[in-house]
Amino acid sequence: MGLAVFPWMNDIQKKEQEQSLFYKELLKDLIVTYPSIDKIENYNYAYSPIIFSNVDLLKKSMKALEDNKIGSRRYFYPGLNNLDFTHGNYIVSDNISERVLCLPLYHSLSKEEQIMIARLLLRAQNN
């Protein structure tokens, strides 16, 4: 699909940036952190990752979304250092990759859908 959407990339990026910022607003009471983005970088907002405080809360949140037919993805998991051709001990990478969840993010995602996703995540955290 890459080149087919090229004429609309600026609009898509702007929409996904708005969606990411809206998630942050909706999820201000969710106990998560966000990856820091270098201010020099021109972030493309292709993903909306959140980092949970522990794996159990991540799994509980994923189940809540799944039970409501909402797909989420554990991007960056497992870490690349777990591939057969890599060697070494990457404690920080392993720790974070286990707790990252990328929220649904696509051009036609509505604010109502984002509100529902946020409510499910907050409910999973608080129950």
C-alpha atoms as a PDB file:
ATOM      1  CA  MET A   1       0.000   0.000   0.000  1.00  0.00           C
ATOM      2  CA  GLY A   2       3.006   2.310   0.615  1.00  0.00           C
ATOM      3  CA  LEU A   3       3.221   4.388  -2.556  1.00  0.00           C
ATOM      4  CA  ALA A   4      -0.538   4.252  -3.142  1.00  0.00           C
ATOM      5  CA  VAL A   5      -1.167   6.456  -0.092  1.00  0.00           C
ATOM      6  CA  PHE A   6       1.803   8.746  -0.675  1.00  0.00           C
ATOM      7  CA  PRO A   7      -0.327  11.698  -1.912  1.00  0.00           C
ATOM      8  CA  TRP A   8      -2.260  11.616   1.385  1.00  0.00           C
ATOM      9  CA  MET A   9       0.639  11.008   3.780  1.00  0.00           C
ATOM     10  CA  ASN A  10       0.593  14.493   5.306  1.00  0.00           C
ATOM     11  CA  ASP A  11      -3.126  14.186   6.049  1.00  0.00           C
ATOM     12  CA  ILE A  12      -2.674  10.677   7.450  1.00  0.00           C
ATOM     13  CA  GLN A  13       0.212  11.761   9.690  1.00  0.00           C
ATOM     14  CA  LYS A  14      -1.715  14.770  10.947  1.00  0.00           C
ATOM     15  CA  LYS A  15      -4.760  12.621  11.745  1.00  0.00           C
ATOM     16  CA  GLU A  16      -2.656   9.993  13.539  1.00  0.00           C
ATOM     17  CA  GLN A  17      -0.861  12.715  15.506  1.00  0.00           C
ATOM     18  CA  GLU A  18      -4.249  14.056  16.627  1.00  0.00           C
ATOM     19  CA  GLN A  19      -5.321  10.536  17.586  1.00  0.00           C
ATOM     20  CA  SER A  20      -2.131   9.917  19.583  1.00  0.00           C
ATOM     21  CA  LEU A  21      -2.537  13.178  21.467  1.00  0.00           C
ATOM     22  CA  PHE A  22      -6.208  12.377  22.109  1.00  0.00           C
ATOM     23  CA  TYR A  23      -5.204   8.990  23.569  1.00  0.00           C
ATOM     24  CA  LYS A  24      -2.780  10.771  25.912  1.00  0.00           C
ATOM     25  CA  GLU A  25      -5.558  13.094  27.035  1.00  0.00           C
ATOM     26  CA  LEU A  26      -8.018  10.228  27.563  1.00  0.00           C
ATOM     27  CA  LEU A  27      -5.473   8.052  29.345  1.00  0.00           C
ATOM     28  CA  LYS A  28      -4.038  10.641  31.732  1.00  0.00           C
ATOM     29  CA  ASP A  29      -5.208   8.488  34.677  1.00  0.00           C
ATOM     30  CA  LEU A  30      -3.813   5.255  33.262  1.00  0.00           C
ATOM     31  CA  ILE A  31      -0.597   4.280  35.023  1.00  0.00           C
ATOM     32  CA  VAL A  32       1.635   4.030  31.957  1.00  0.00           C
ATOM     33  CA  THR A  33       4.569   5.848  30.500  1.00  0.00           C
ATOM     34  CA  TYR A  34       5.231   6.899  26.942  1.00  0.00           C
ATOM     35  CA  PRO A  35       8.439   6.534  24.988  1.00  0.00           C
ATOM     36  CA  SER A  36      10.262   9.831  24.826  1.00  0.00           C
ATOM     37  CA  ILE A  37      10.641  11.230  21.341  1.00  0.00           C
ATOM     38  CA  ASP A  38      13.715  13.248  20.515  1.00  0.00           C
ATOM     39  CA  LYS A  39      12.576  16.812  19.793  1.00  0.00           C
ATOM     40  CA  ILE A  40      14.889  16.995  16.775  1.00  0.00           C
ATOM     41  CA  GLU A  41      13.239  13.991  15.214  1.00  0.00           C
ATOM     42  CA  ASN A  42      10.179  14.362  12.985  1.00  0.00           C
ATOM     43  CA  TYR A  43       8.051  11.665  14.598  1.00  0.00           C
ATOM     44  CA  ASN A  44       5.620  10.051  12.140  1.00  0.00           C
ATOM     45  CA  TYR A  45       2.970   8.885  14.658  1.00  0.00           C
ATOM     46  CA  ALA A  46       2.660   5.514  12.905  1.00  0.00           C
ATOM     47  CA  TYR A  47       2.268   3.840  16.317  1.00  0.00           C
ATOM     48  CA  SER A  48       0.774   4.813  19.643  1.00  0.00           C
ATOM     49  CA  PRO A  49       2.812   2.839  22.196  1.00  0.00           C
ATOM     50  CA  ILE A  50       2.239   2.833  25.931  1.00  0.00           C
ATOM     51  CA  ILE A  51       4.471   1.179  28.513  1.00  0.00           C
ATOM     52  CA  PHE A  52       2.706  -0.511  31.409  1.00  0.00           C
ATOM     53  CA  SER A  53       4.236  -0.733  34.880  1.00  0.00           C
ATOM     54  CA  ASN A  54       4.082  -4.542  34.770  1.00  0.00           C
ATOM     55  CA  VAL A  55       3.333  -7.424  32.411  1.00  0.00           C
ATOM     56  CA  ASP A  56       0.221  -8.511  34.308  1.00  0.00           C
ATOM     57  CA  LEU A  57      -1.491  -5.174  33.727  1.00  0.00           C
ATOM     58  CA  LEU A  58      -0.506  -5.275  30.065  1.00  0.00           C
ATOM     59  CA  LYS A  59      -2.031  -8.745  29.666  1.00  0.00           C
ATOM     60  CA  LYS A  60      -5.158  -7.763  31.588  1.00  0.00           C
ATOM     61  CA  SER A  61      -5.557  -4.712  29.341  1.00  0.00           C
ATOM     62  CA  MET A  62      -5.000  -6.725  26.167  1.00  0.00           C
ATOM     63  CA  LYS A  63      -7.647  -9.225  27.278  1.00  0.00           C
ATOM     64  CA  ALA A  64     -10.144  -6.444  27.975  1.00  0.00           C
ATOM     65  CA  LEU A  65      -9.598  -5.092  24.476  1.00  0.00           C
ATOM     66  CA  GLU A  66      -9.690  -8.559  22.899  1.00  0.00           C
ATOM     67  CA  ASP A  67     -12.931  -9.430  24.722  1.00  0.00           C
ATOM     68  CA  ASN A  68     -14.451  -6.385  23.027  1.00  0.00           C
ATOM     69  CA  LYS A  69     -13.102  -7.322  19.572  1.00  0.00           C
ATOM     70  CA  ILE A  70     -10.446  -4.588  19.627  1.00  0.00           C
ATOM     71  CA  GLY A  71      -7.051  -5.467  18.270  1.00  0.00           C
ATOM     72  CA  SER A  72      -3.877  -4.194  19.873  1.00  0.00           C
ATOM     73  CA  ARG A  73      -0.304  -5.213  19.200  1.00  0.00           C
ATOM     74  CA  ARG A  74       2.733  -5.967  21.265  1.00  0.00           C
ATOM     75  CA  TYR A  75       5.206  -4.369  18.930  1.00  0.00           C
ATOM     76  CA  PHE A  76       8.846  -4.611  19.922  1.00  0.00           C
ATOM     77  CA  TYR A  77       8.126  -7.969  21.612  1.00  0.00           C
ATOM     78  CA  PRO A  78      10.060 -10.065  21.970  1.00  0.00           C
ATOM     79  CA  GLY A  79      13.125  -7.884  21.720  1.00  0.00           C
ATOM     80  CA  LEU A  80      15.390  -8.335  18.724  1.00  0.00           C
ATOM     81  CA  ASN A  81      18.141  -9.561  21.008  1.00  0.00           C
ATOM     82  CA  ASN A  82      16.135 -12.775  21.427  1.00  0.00           C
ATOM     83  CA  LEU A  83      16.679 -13.812  17.826  1.00  0.00           C
ATOM     84  CA  ASP A  84      18.900 -16.814  17.192  1.00  0.00           C
ATOM     85  CA  PHE A  85      21.703 -14.780  15.629  1.00  0.00           C
ATOM     86  CA  THR A  86      22.031 -12.199  18.408  1.00  0.00           C
ATOM     87  CA  HIS A  87      23.964 -12.572  21.634  1.00  0.00           C
ATOM     88  CA  GLY A  88      24.142 -10.620  24.823  1.00  0.00           C
ATOM     89  CA  ASN A  89      22.174  -9.592  27.842  1.00  0.00           C
ATOM     90  CA  TYR A  90      19.915  -6.580  27.271  1.00  0.00           C
ATOM     91  CA  ILE A  91      18.164  -6.086  30.583  1.00  0.00           C
ATOM     92  CA  VAL A  92      16.561  -2.701  29.818  1.00  0.00           C
ATOM     93  CA  SER A  93      15.403  -3.713  26.342  1.00  0.00           C
ATOM     94  CA  ASP A  94      13.918  -6.988  27.610  1.00  0.00           C
ATOM     95  CA  ASN A  95      12.166  -5.257  30.482  1.00  0.00           C
ATOM     96  CA  ILE A  96      10.538  -2.591  28.346  1.00  0.00           C
ATOM     97  CA  SER A  97       9.675  -4.837  25.398  1.00  0.00           C
ATOM     98  CA  GLU A  98       7.648  -7.066  27.738  1.00  0.00           C
ATOM     99  CA  ARG A  99       5.457  -4.125  28.787  1.00  0.00           C
ATOM    100  CA  VAL A 100       4.822  -2.214  25.532  1.00  0.00           C
ATOM    101  CA  LEU A 101       1.415  -2.191  23.904  1.00  0.00           C
ATOM    102  CA  CYS A 102       0.590  -0.288  20.741  1.00  0.00           C
ATOM    103  CA  LEU A 103      -2.940   1.049  20.749  1.00  0.00           C
ATOM    104  CA  PRO A 104      -5.122   0.921  17.657  1.00  0.00           C
ATOM    105  CA  LEU A 105      -4.231   3.806  15.377  1.00  0.00           C
ATOM    106  CA  TYR A 106      -5.450   4.261  11.822  1.00  0.00           C
ATOM    107  CA  HIS A 107      -6.805   7.076   9.697  1.00  0.00           C
ATOM    108  CA  SER A 108     -10.513   6.264  10.084  1.00  0.00           C
ATOM    109  CA  LEU A 109     -10.416   5.589  13.859  1.00  0.00           C
ATOM    110  CA  SER A 110     -13.163   7.706  15.422  1.00  0.00           C
ATOM    111  CA  LYS A 111     -13.006   9.647  18.675  1.00  0.00           C
ATOM    112  CA  GLU A 112     -15.898   7.518  19.962  1.00  0.00           C
ATOM    113  CA  GLU A 113     -13.851   4.371  19.343  1.00  0.00           C
ATOM    114  CA  GLN A 114     -10.866   5.916  21.113  1.00  0.00           C
ATOM    115  CA  ILE A 115     -13.061   6.830  24.084  1.00  0.00           C
ATOM    116  CA  MET A 116     -14.288   3.223  24.283  1.00  0.00           C
ATOM    117  CA  ILE A 117     -10.696   1.913  24.120  1.00  0.00           C
ATOM    118  CA  ALA A 118      -9.643   4.306  26.880  1.00  0.00           C
ATOM    119  CA  ARG A 119     -12.564   3.278  29.082  1.00  0.00           C
ATOM    120  CA  LEU A 120     -11.694  -0.395  28.667  1.00  0.00           C
ATOM    121  CA  LEU A 121      -8.044   0.243  29.573  1.00  0.00           C
ATOM    122  CA  LEU A 122      -8.962   2.320  32.615  1.00  0.00           C
ATOM    123  CA  ARG A 123     -11.496  -0.289  33.735  1.00  0.00           C
ATOM    124  CA  ALA A 124      -8.870  -3.043  33.384  1.00  0.00           C
ATOM    125  CA  GLN A 125      -6.459  -1.017  35.506  1.00  0.00           C
ATOM    126  CA  ASN A 126      -8.995  -0.231  38.216  1.00  0.00           C
ATOM    127  CA  ASN A 127     -10.533  -3.695  38.604  1.00  0.00           C
END
